[in-house]
């Protein structure tokens, strides 16, 4: 009987350790990807001349600054849903704030959104990744919100590639890893 209890304890301990290690690994990969995305986005912000932040590829779309502010706002909302962290800049629409469109403001707000994402992921309880979160018709498991947040920032940074090319600059090289 004692050997059976010991065997069960060893199996449970191994399963717990494996689960804890998996959780730590998931969190570490999310953080690594967000740190890489932050550095990559900073390269985009630095590549665009400051006097071109108001540039639009055509009148009916966002300016470079507005694209980046939209990226930041989306990151904050989706990361908050994914991690349970309290949103920053609650009730503010960064794209609507004219003072936010200045290059230094855009840089600050975008980098702060990445810092929020990284810190929120660092502090999240990974055991809640399958818990449903969101609001209204947008209720999904927390890990879906984290994945959508990453997809969203990638999409909007990618859209600004053409803006940078249209002002005659070669955009930063891709950073997959």
N, C-alpha and C. Protein backbone atom coordinates (compact mmCIF):
# COMPACT_ATOMS: atom_id res chain seq x y z
N UNK A 1 0.83 -1.19 0.00
CA UNK A 1 0.00 0.00 0.00
C UNK A 1 0.88 1.26 0.00
N UNK A 2 1.90 1.24 0.80
CA UNK A 2 2.79 2.40 0.89
C UNK A 2 3.48 2.64 -0.44
N UNK A 3 3.89 1.58 -1.15
CA UNK A 3 4.53 1.72 -2.46
C UNK A 3 3.54 2.29 -3.47
N UNK A 4 2.27 1.92 -3.36
CA UNK A 4 1.26 2.44 -4.28
C UNK A 4 1.04 3.93 -4.05
N UNK A 5 0.99 4.33 -2.79
CA UNK A 5 0.83 5.75 -2.48
C UNK A 5 2.03 6.54 -2.99
N UNK A 6 3.21 6.00 -2.79
CA UNK A 6 4.42 6.65 -3.27
C UNK A 6 4.40 6.75 -4.79
N UNK A 7 3.99 5.70 -5.47
CA UNK A 7 3.93 5.69 -6.93
C UNK A 7 2.93 6.73 -7.43
N UNK A 8 1.75 6.79 -6.81
CA UNK A 8 0.74 7.77 -7.20
C UNK A 8 1.24 9.18 -6.95
N UNK A 9 1.91 9.40 -5.83
CA UNK A 9 2.47 10.70 -5.50
C UNK A 9 3.49 11.13 -6.54
N UNK A 10 4.36 10.22 -6.95
CA UNK A 10 5.38 10.51 -7.96
C UNK A 10 4.70 10.88 -9.28
N UNK A 11 3.67 10.12 -9.68
CA UNK A 11 2.96 10.40 -10.92
C UNK A 11 2.28 11.76 -10.85
N UNK A 12 1.61 12.06 -9.73
CA UNK A 12 0.95 13.35 -9.58
C UNK A 12 1.95 14.49 -9.57
N UNK A 13 3.07 14.31 -8.90
CA UNK A 13 4.10 15.34 -8.86
C UNK A 13 4.67 15.58 -10.26
N UNK A 14 4.89 14.50 -11.00
CA UNK A 14 5.41 14.62 -12.37
C UNK A 14 4.39 15.34 -13.25
N UNK A 15 3.12 15.01 -13.11
CA UNK A 15 2.08 15.67 -13.91
C UNK A 15 1.99 17.15 -13.55
N UNK A 16 2.05 17.47 -12.26
CA UNK A 16 1.99 18.86 -11.82
C UNK A 16 3.19 19.65 -12.33
N UNK A 17 4.37 19.04 -12.20
CA UNK A 17 5.59 19.70 -12.67
C UNK A 17 5.51 19.93 -14.17
N UNK A 18 5.05 18.93 -14.91
CA UNK A 18 4.93 19.07 -16.35
C UNK A 18 3.93 20.17 -16.69
N UNK A 19 2.80 20.21 -16.00
CA UNK A 19 1.80 21.25 -16.25
C UNK A 19 2.36 22.63 -15.90
N UNK A 20 3.06 22.73 -14.79
CA UNK A 20 3.67 24.01 -14.40
C UNK A 20 4.74 24.42 -15.41
N UNK A 21 5.53 23.46 -15.84
CA UNK A 21 6.56 23.76 -16.83
C UNK A 21 5.94 24.20 -18.15
N UNK A 22 4.84 23.54 -18.53
CA UNK A 22 4.15 23.91 -19.76
C UNK A 22 3.62 25.34 -19.64
N UNK A 23 3.01 25.66 -18.51
CA UNK A 23 2.48 27.01 -18.29
C UNK A 23 3.60 28.04 -18.37
N UNK A 24 4.72 27.76 -17.72
CA UNK A 24 5.86 28.68 -17.78
C UNK A 24 6.39 28.83 -19.21
N UNK A 25 6.39 27.73 -19.94
CA UNK A 25 6.87 27.76 -21.32
C UNK A 25 5.95 28.59 -22.21
N UNK A 26 4.64 28.42 -22.02
CA UNK A 26 3.67 29.21 -22.80
C UNK A 26 3.87 30.69 -22.52
N UNK A 27 3.96 31.04 -21.27
CA UNK A 27 4.14 32.44 -20.89
C UNK A 27 5.45 32.99 -21.46
N UNK A 28 6.52 32.22 -21.36
CA UNK A 28 7.82 32.66 -21.86
C UNK A 28 7.78 32.90 -23.38
N UNK A 29 7.08 32.04 -24.10
CA UNK A 29 6.98 32.22 -25.55
C UNK A 29 6.16 33.45 -25.91
N UNK A 30 5.05 33.66 -25.20
CA UNK A 30 4.26 34.87 -25.44
C UNK A 30 5.11 36.12 -25.20
N UNK A 31 5.83 36.14 -24.09
CA UNK A 31 6.66 37.31 -23.76
C UNK A 31 7.74 37.53 -24.81
N UNK A 32 8.40 36.46 -25.21
CA UNK A 32 9.46 36.56 -26.22
C UNK A 32 8.90 37.13 -27.53
N UNK A 33 7.73 36.63 -27.95
CA UNK A 33 7.12 37.13 -29.19
C UNK A 33 6.73 38.60 -29.08
N UNK A 34 6.18 39.00 -27.93
CA UNK A 34 5.80 40.40 -27.76
C UNK A 34 7.01 41.31 -27.67
N UNK A 35 8.09 40.86 -27.06
CA UNK A 35 9.32 41.67 -27.02
C UNK A 35 9.88 41.84 -28.43
N UNK A 36 9.85 40.78 -29.22
CA UNK A 36 10.31 40.86 -30.61
C UNK A 36 9.42 41.81 -31.40
N UNK A 37 8.10 41.70 -31.23
CA UNK A 37 7.16 42.56 -31.95
C UNK A 37 7.37 44.03 -31.56
N UNK A 38 7.64 44.27 -30.30
CA UNK A 38 7.89 45.64 -29.84
C UNK A 38 9.12 46.22 -30.54
N UNK A 39 10.20 45.46 -30.57
CA UNK A 39 11.43 45.92 -31.22
C UNK A 39 11.20 46.15 -32.72
N UNK A 40 10.45 45.26 -33.34
CA UNK A 40 10.17 45.36 -34.77
C UNK A 40 9.32 46.60 -35.06
N UNK A 41 8.30 46.83 -34.25
CA UNK A 41 7.45 47.99 -34.43
C UNK A 41 8.24 49.28 -34.20
N UNK A 42 9.15 49.28 -33.25
CA UNK A 42 10.00 50.45 -33.00
C UNK A 42 10.83 50.76 -34.25
N UNK A 43 11.30 49.73 -34.93
CA UNK A 43 12.04 49.95 -36.17
C UNK A 43 11.16 50.63 -37.21
N UNK A 44 9.90 50.25 -37.27
CA UNK A 44 8.95 50.89 -38.19
C UNK A 44 8.73 52.35 -37.81
N UNK A 45 8.53 52.60 -36.53
CA UNK A 45 8.33 53.98 -36.07
C UNK A 45 9.54 54.84 -36.39
N UNK A 46 10.73 54.28 -36.22
CA UNK A 46 11.96 55.02 -36.49
C UNK A 46 12.22 55.19 -38.00
N UNK A 47 11.74 54.24 -38.81
CA UNK A 47 11.97 54.30 -40.25
C UNK A 47 11.17 55.43 -40.90
N UNK A 48 9.98 55.67 -40.39
CA UNK A 48 9.13 56.72 -40.98
C UNK A 48 9.64 58.09 -40.52
N UNK A 49 9.96 58.98 -41.46
CA UNK A 49 10.40 60.32 -41.06
C UNK A 49 9.32 61.01 -40.22
N UNK A 50 9.74 61.73 -39.22
CA UNK A 50 8.80 62.38 -38.30
C UNK A 50 7.85 63.33 -39.03
N UNK A 51 8.31 63.93 -40.10
CA UNK A 51 7.43 64.86 -40.83
C UNK A 51 6.46 64.12 -41.76
N UNK A 52 6.47 62.80 -41.73
CA UNK A 52 5.58 62.00 -42.58
C UNK A 52 4.58 61.17 -41.76
N UNK A 53 4.52 61.39 -40.47
CA UNK A 53 3.59 60.61 -39.64
C UNK A 53 2.13 60.86 -40.03
N UNK A 54 1.85 62.00 -40.64
CA UNK A 54 0.48 62.28 -41.07
C UNK A 54 0.20 61.78 -42.49
N UNK A 55 1.17 61.09 -43.09
CA UNK A 55 1.02 60.59 -44.46
C UNK A 55 -0.06 59.52 -44.55
N UNK A 56 -0.88 59.61 -45.61
CA UNK A 56 -1.89 58.61 -45.93
C UNK A 56 -1.62 58.11 -47.34
N UNK A 57 -1.74 56.83 -47.55
CA UNK A 57 -1.57 56.28 -48.90
C UNK A 57 -2.67 56.78 -49.82
N UNK A 58 -3.84 57.03 -49.25
CA UNK A 58 -4.94 57.71 -49.94
C UNK A 58 -5.85 58.33 -48.89
N UNK A 59 -6.68 59.26 -49.31
CA UNK A 59 -7.47 60.04 -48.35
C UNK A 59 -8.43 59.22 -47.48
N UNK A 60 -8.93 58.12 -47.99
CA UNK A 60 -9.97 57.37 -47.27
C UNK A 60 -9.44 56.40 -46.21
N UNK A 61 -8.13 56.40 -45.97
CA UNK A 61 -7.58 55.47 -44.98
C UNK A 61 -6.83 56.23 -43.88
N UNK A 62 -6.45 55.51 -42.85
CA UNK A 62 -5.74 56.11 -41.72
C UNK A 62 -4.37 56.62 -42.15
N UNK A 63 -3.90 57.61 -41.44
CA UNK A 63 -2.51 58.06 -41.60
C UNK A 63 -1.60 57.03 -40.94
N UNK A 64 -0.30 57.18 -41.17
CA UNK A 64 0.67 56.31 -40.50
C UNK A 64 0.49 56.40 -38.99
N UNK A 65 0.38 57.62 -38.47
CA UNK A 65 0.20 57.81 -37.02
C UNK A 65 -1.07 57.14 -36.54
N UNK A 66 -2.17 57.30 -37.27
CA UNK A 66 -3.44 56.71 -36.85
C UNK A 66 -3.38 55.18 -36.88
N UNK A 67 -2.68 54.62 -37.87
CA UNK A 67 -2.52 53.15 -37.92
C UNK A 67 -1.81 52.67 -36.65
N UNK A 68 -0.75 53.36 -36.29
CA UNK A 68 0.02 52.96 -35.12
C UNK A 68 -0.77 53.16 -33.82
N UNK A 69 -1.55 54.23 -33.75
CA UNK A 69 -2.38 54.45 -32.57
C UNK A 69 -3.48 53.40 -32.47
N UNK A 70 -4.04 53.01 -33.62
CA UNK A 70 -5.04 51.95 -33.64
C UNK A 70 -4.42 50.63 -33.18
N UNK A 71 -3.21 50.37 -33.63
CA UNK A 71 -2.47 49.18 -33.19
C UNK A 71 -2.35 49.18 -31.66
N UNK A 72 -1.97 50.32 -31.10
CA UNK A 72 -1.79 50.43 -29.65
C UNK A 72 -3.09 50.21 -28.90
N UNK A 73 -4.16 50.86 -29.36
CA UNK A 73 -5.45 50.75 -28.68
C UNK A 73 -5.97 49.31 -28.73
N UNK A 74 -5.84 48.67 -29.88
CA UNK A 74 -6.28 47.28 -30.01
C UNK A 74 -5.48 46.34 -29.13
N UNK A 75 -4.19 46.57 -29.06
CA UNK A 75 -3.33 45.75 -28.21
C UNK A 75 -3.80 45.81 -26.77
N UNK A 76 -4.06 46.99 -26.28
CA UNK A 76 -4.47 47.16 -24.89
C UNK A 76 -5.79 46.44 -24.61
N UNK A 77 -6.77 46.64 -25.47
CA UNK A 77 -8.07 46.03 -25.26
C UNK A 77 -8.03 44.51 -25.29
N UNK A 78 -7.38 43.96 -26.29
CA UNK A 78 -7.35 42.51 -26.42
C UNK A 78 -6.46 41.85 -25.36
N UNK A 79 -5.35 42.48 -25.03
CA UNK A 79 -4.48 41.93 -23.98
C UNK A 79 -5.20 41.97 -22.64
N UNK A 80 -5.94 43.03 -22.37
CA UNK A 80 -6.71 43.10 -21.11
C UNK A 80 -7.72 41.95 -21.05
N UNK A 81 -8.39 41.70 -22.16
CA UNK A 81 -9.34 40.58 -22.19
C UNK A 81 -8.63 39.24 -22.01
N UNK A 82 -7.45 39.13 -22.59
CA UNK A 82 -6.71 37.87 -22.51
C UNK A 82 -6.07 37.60 -21.17
N UNK A 83 -5.64 38.63 -20.49
CA UNK A 83 -4.90 38.43 -19.24
C UNK A 83 -5.70 38.77 -18.00
N UNK A 84 -6.74 39.56 -18.17
CA UNK A 84 -7.50 40.03 -17.01
C UNK A 84 -6.91 41.29 -16.40
N UNK A 85 -5.88 41.85 -17.02
CA UNK A 85 -5.26 43.08 -16.51
C UNK A 85 -6.21 44.26 -16.70
N UNK A 86 -6.06 45.27 -15.86
CA UNK A 86 -6.85 46.49 -15.99
C UNK A 86 -6.32 47.31 -17.16
N UNK A 87 -7.21 47.72 -18.04
CA UNK A 87 -6.82 48.52 -19.21
C UNK A 87 -6.20 49.85 -18.79
N UNK A 88 -5.30 50.32 -19.61
CA UNK A 88 -4.80 51.69 -19.46
C UNK A 88 -5.55 52.54 -20.47
N UNK A 89 -5.65 53.83 -20.20
CA UNK A 89 -6.31 54.79 -21.08
C UNK A 89 -7.79 54.45 -21.31
N UNK A 90 -8.45 54.00 -20.25
CA UNK A 90 -9.87 53.65 -20.34
C UNK A 90 -10.68 54.87 -20.78
N UNK A 91 -11.58 54.63 -21.71
CA UNK A 91 -12.47 55.69 -22.18
C UNK A 91 -11.84 56.66 -23.18
N UNK A 92 -10.60 56.43 -23.55
CA UNK A 92 -9.93 57.32 -24.50
C UNK A 92 -9.86 56.66 -25.87
N UNK A 93 -10.00 57.44 -26.89
CA UNK A 93 -9.81 56.97 -28.26
C UNK A 93 -8.55 57.65 -28.78
N UNK A 94 -7.47 56.92 -28.79
CA UNK A 94 -6.18 57.52 -29.16
C UNK A 94 -6.20 58.12 -30.56
N UNK A 95 -6.88 57.47 -31.47
CA UNK A 95 -6.94 58.00 -32.85
C UNK A 95 -7.64 59.35 -32.91
N UNK A 96 -8.56 59.61 -32.00
CA UNK A 96 -9.31 60.86 -32.00
C UNK A 96 -8.57 61.99 -31.30
N UNK A 97 -7.56 61.66 -30.51
CA UNK A 97 -6.78 62.69 -29.80
C UNK A 97 -5.76 63.29 -30.76
N UNK A 98 -5.97 64.51 -31.19
CA UNK A 98 -5.06 65.15 -32.15
C UNK A 98 -3.63 65.25 -31.61
N UNK A 99 -3.49 65.52 -30.32
CA UNK A 99 -2.14 65.62 -29.75
C UNK A 99 -1.43 64.28 -29.76
N UNK A 100 -2.17 63.20 -29.82
CA UNK A 100 -1.56 61.87 -29.85
C UNK A 100 -0.86 61.59 -31.17
N UNK A 101 -1.19 62.33 -32.22
CA UNK A 101 -0.65 62.08 -33.56
C UNK A 101 0.76 62.63 -33.76
N UNK A 102 1.25 63.43 -32.84
CA UNK A 102 2.63 63.92 -32.95
C UNK A 102 3.58 62.73 -32.85
N UNK A 103 4.66 62.73 -33.63
CA UNK A 103 5.56 61.57 -33.64
C UNK A 103 6.03 61.10 -32.26
N UNK A 104 6.41 62.02 -31.40
CA UNK A 104 6.87 61.61 -30.07
C UNK A 104 5.74 60.96 -29.26
N UNK A 105 4.53 61.48 -29.42
CA UNK A 105 3.38 60.90 -28.73
C UNK A 105 3.06 59.52 -29.27
N UNK A 106 3.07 59.38 -30.59
CA UNK A 106 2.81 58.07 -31.20
C UNK A 106 3.83 57.06 -30.68
N UNK A 107 5.09 57.42 -30.71
CA UNK A 107 6.14 56.52 -30.23
C UNK A 107 5.90 56.13 -28.78
N UNK A 108 5.62 57.10 -27.94
CA UNK A 108 5.38 56.82 -26.52
C UNK A 108 4.18 55.88 -26.33
N UNK A 109 3.06 56.21 -26.97
CA UNK A 109 1.83 55.44 -26.77
C UNK A 109 1.95 54.02 -27.31
N UNK A 110 2.58 53.87 -28.46
CA UNK A 110 2.75 52.53 -29.03
C UNK A 110 3.69 51.69 -28.16
N UNK A 111 4.80 52.25 -27.76
CA UNK A 111 5.73 51.50 -26.90
C UNK A 111 5.08 51.17 -25.55
N UNK A 112 4.29 52.10 -25.02
CA UNK A 112 3.59 51.84 -23.76
C UNK A 112 2.58 50.71 -23.91
N UNK A 113 1.96 50.60 -25.08
CA UNK A 113 1.01 49.50 -25.30
C UNK A 113 1.73 48.16 -25.31
N UNK A 114 2.92 48.12 -25.89
CA UNK A 114 3.71 46.88 -25.88
C UNK A 114 4.18 46.57 -24.45
N UNK A 115 4.59 47.58 -23.72
CA UNK A 115 4.99 47.37 -22.33
C UNK A 115 3.81 46.82 -21.53
N UNK A 116 2.62 47.36 -21.77
CA UNK A 116 1.42 46.87 -21.10
C UNK A 116 1.19 45.39 -21.44
N UNK A 117 1.32 45.04 -22.71
CA UNK A 117 1.12 43.65 -23.14
C UNK A 117 2.13 42.73 -22.45
N UNK A 118 3.38 43.09 -22.50
CA UNK A 118 4.44 42.24 -21.94
C UNK A 118 4.26 42.08 -20.43
N UNK A 119 4.02 43.17 -19.74
CA UNK A 119 3.85 43.11 -18.29
C UNK A 119 2.58 42.36 -17.90
N UNK A 120 1.51 42.55 -18.64
CA UNK A 120 0.26 41.84 -18.35
C UNK A 120 0.41 40.34 -18.55
N UNK A 121 1.12 39.95 -19.59
CA UNK A 121 1.36 38.53 -19.83
C UNK A 121 2.28 37.97 -18.74
N UNK A 122 3.29 38.73 -18.39
CA UNK A 122 4.22 38.30 -17.34
C UNK A 122 3.47 38.04 -16.03
N UNK A 123 2.45 38.83 -15.75
CA UNK A 123 1.72 38.73 -14.48
C UNK A 123 0.46 37.87 -14.55
N UNK A 124 0.13 37.34 -15.71
CA UNK A 124 -1.13 36.61 -15.84
C UNK A 124 -1.07 35.23 -15.19
N UNK A 125 -2.23 34.75 -14.83
CA UNK A 125 -2.38 33.40 -14.30
C UNK A 125 -2.66 32.48 -15.49
N UNK A 126 -1.65 31.74 -15.92
CA UNK A 126 -1.75 30.92 -17.13
C UNK A 126 -2.82 29.84 -16.98
N UNK A 127 -3.14 29.47 -15.76
CA UNK A 127 -4.17 28.43 -15.57
C UNK A 127 -5.55 28.91 -16.02
N UNK A 128 -5.69 30.21 -16.28
CA UNK A 128 -6.98 30.76 -16.71
C UNK A 128 -7.07 30.97 -18.22
N UNK A 129 -6.11 30.45 -18.98
CA UNK A 129 -6.10 30.68 -20.42
C UNK A 129 -7.33 30.12 -21.14
N UNK A 130 -7.95 29.09 -20.59
CA UNK A 130 -9.13 28.53 -21.23
C UNK A 130 -10.43 29.14 -20.70
N UNK A 131 -10.32 30.02 -19.73
CA UNK A 131 -11.48 30.72 -19.17
C UNK A 131 -12.03 31.71 -20.21
N UNK A 132 -13.35 31.80 -20.31
CA UNK A 132 -13.98 32.71 -21.26
C UNK A 132 -13.96 34.14 -20.72
N UNK A 133 -13.65 35.08 -21.61
CA UNK A 133 -13.59 36.49 -21.22
C UNK A 133 -14.04 37.35 -22.40
N UNK A 134 -14.28 38.61 -22.13
CA UNK A 134 -14.67 39.55 -23.16
C UNK A 134 -15.93 40.29 -22.75
N UNK A 135 -16.67 40.71 -23.75
CA UNK A 135 -17.94 41.39 -23.45
C UNK A 135 -18.87 41.28 -24.66
N UNK A 136 -20.17 41.33 -24.36
CA UNK A 136 -21.18 41.27 -25.41
C UNK A 136 -21.08 40.00 -26.25
N UNK A 137 -21.06 40.18 -27.56
CA UNK A 137 -20.95 39.04 -28.48
C UNK A 137 -19.52 38.56 -28.64
N UNK A 138 -18.61 39.19 -27.96
CA UNK A 138 -17.19 38.86 -28.09
C UNK A 138 -16.69 38.15 -26.85
N UNK A 139 -17.15 36.94 -26.64
CA UNK A 139 -16.74 36.11 -25.50
C UNK A 139 -15.93 34.94 -26.03
N UNK A 140 -14.65 34.89 -25.65
CA UNK A 140 -13.75 33.85 -26.15
C UNK A 140 -12.81 33.42 -25.03
N UNK A 141 -12.20 32.25 -25.17
CA UNK A 141 -11.16 31.87 -24.19
C UNK A 141 -10.04 32.91 -24.19
N UNK A 142 -9.43 33.09 -23.04
CA UNK A 142 -8.39 34.12 -22.89
C UNK A 142 -7.23 33.92 -23.88
N UNK A 143 -6.86 32.66 -24.15
CA UNK A 143 -5.75 32.45 -25.09
C UNK A 143 -6.11 32.94 -26.49
N UNK A 144 -7.40 32.91 -26.85
CA UNK A 144 -7.83 33.43 -28.15
C UNK A 144 -7.60 34.93 -28.20
N UNK A 145 -7.91 35.64 -27.11
CA UNK A 145 -7.67 37.08 -27.06
C UNK A 145 -6.19 37.39 -27.24
N UNK A 146 -5.32 36.60 -26.58
CA UNK A 146 -3.88 36.85 -26.71
C UNK A 146 -3.42 36.65 -28.15
N UNK A 147 -3.93 35.59 -28.77
CA UNK A 147 -3.55 35.33 -30.17
C UNK A 147 -4.10 36.40 -31.10
N UNK A 148 -5.33 36.84 -30.87
CA UNK A 148 -5.92 37.89 -31.71
C UNK A 148 -5.18 39.22 -31.52
N UNK A 149 -4.75 39.50 -30.31
CA UNK A 149 -3.99 40.73 -30.06
C UNK A 149 -2.70 40.72 -30.88
N UNK A 150 -2.03 39.58 -30.90
CA UNK A 150 -0.78 39.49 -31.66
C UNK A 150 -1.06 39.61 -33.16
N UNK A 151 -2.11 38.95 -33.61
CA UNK A 151 -2.49 39.03 -35.02
C UNK A 151 -2.83 40.48 -35.41
N UNK A 152 -3.55 41.16 -34.56
CA UNK A 152 -3.99 42.54 -34.83
C UNK A 152 -2.79 43.48 -34.97
N UNK A 153 -1.85 43.43 -34.03
CA UNK A 153 -0.71 44.34 -34.12
C UNK A 153 0.15 44.02 -35.33
N UNK A 154 0.26 42.74 -35.66
CA UNK A 154 1.02 42.34 -36.84
C UNK A 154 0.37 42.89 -38.11
N UNK A 155 -0.94 42.77 -38.18
CA UNK A 155 -1.70 43.25 -39.34
C UNK A 155 -1.51 44.76 -39.55
N UNK A 156 -1.68 45.54 -38.50
CA UNK A 156 -1.59 46.99 -38.66
C UNK A 156 -0.16 47.47 -38.87
N UNK A 157 0.80 46.83 -38.24
CA UNK A 157 2.20 47.18 -38.54
C UNK A 157 2.47 46.86 -40.01
N UNK A 158 2.00 45.70 -40.47
CA UNK A 158 2.19 45.31 -41.86
C UNK A 158 1.56 46.29 -42.84
N UNK A 159 0.41 46.84 -42.48
CA UNK A 159 -0.22 47.83 -43.35
C UNK A 159 0.67 49.05 -43.54
N UNK A 160 1.44 49.39 -42.53
CA UNK A 160 2.27 50.60 -42.65
C UNK A 160 3.50 50.38 -43.53
N UNK A 161 3.75 49.14 -43.93
CA UNK A 161 4.87 48.87 -44.84
C UNK A 161 4.72 49.69 -46.11
N UNK A 162 3.51 49.72 -46.65
CA UNK A 162 3.29 50.45 -47.90
C UNK A 162 3.47 51.96 -47.69
N UNK A 163 3.09 52.45 -46.52
CA UNK A 163 3.26 53.88 -46.23
C UNK A 163 4.75 54.24 -46.30
N UNK A 164 5.56 53.40 -45.66
CA UNK A 164 7.00 53.65 -45.63
C UNK A 164 7.58 53.58 -47.04
N UNK A 165 7.14 52.60 -47.82
CA UNK A 165 7.62 52.49 -49.21
C UNK A 165 7.19 53.68 -50.06
N UNK A 166 5.96 54.15 -49.85
CA UNK A 166 5.47 55.27 -50.66
C UNK A 166 6.18 56.59 -50.37
N UNK A 167 6.83 56.71 -49.21
CA UNK A 167 7.62 57.92 -48.96
C UNK A 167 9.08 57.70 -49.33
N UNK A 168 9.36 56.57 -50.02
CA UNK A 168 10.68 56.33 -50.58
C UNK A 168 11.69 55.68 -49.66
N UNK A 169 11.22 54.98 -48.66
CA UNK A 169 12.12 54.34 -47.69
C UNK A 169 11.90 52.83 -47.72
N UNK A 170 12.97 52.10 -47.57
CA UNK A 170 12.87 50.64 -47.48
C UNK A 170 12.46 50.29 -46.04
N UNK A 171 11.38 49.52 -45.89
CA UNK A 171 10.95 49.15 -44.53
C UNK A 171 11.92 48.18 -43.86
N UNK A 172 11.83 48.06 -42.55
CA UNK A 172 12.70 47.13 -41.83
C UNK A 172 12.52 45.70 -42.31
N UNK A 173 13.58 44.93 -42.21
CA UNK A 173 13.52 43.51 -42.58
C UNK A 173 12.66 42.75 -41.59
N UNK A 174 12.05 41.69 -42.06
CA UNK A 174 11.17 40.86 -41.25
C UNK A 174 11.92 40.25 -40.06
N UNK A 175 11.22 40.09 -38.97
CA UNK A 175 11.78 39.51 -37.74
C UNK A 175 10.86 38.39 -37.26
N UNK A 176 11.01 37.20 -37.82
CA UNK A 176 10.17 36.09 -37.42
C UNK A 176 10.60 35.47 -36.09
N UNK A 177 11.89 35.49 -35.82
CA UNK A 177 12.37 34.85 -34.59
C UNK A 177 13.33 35.76 -33.85
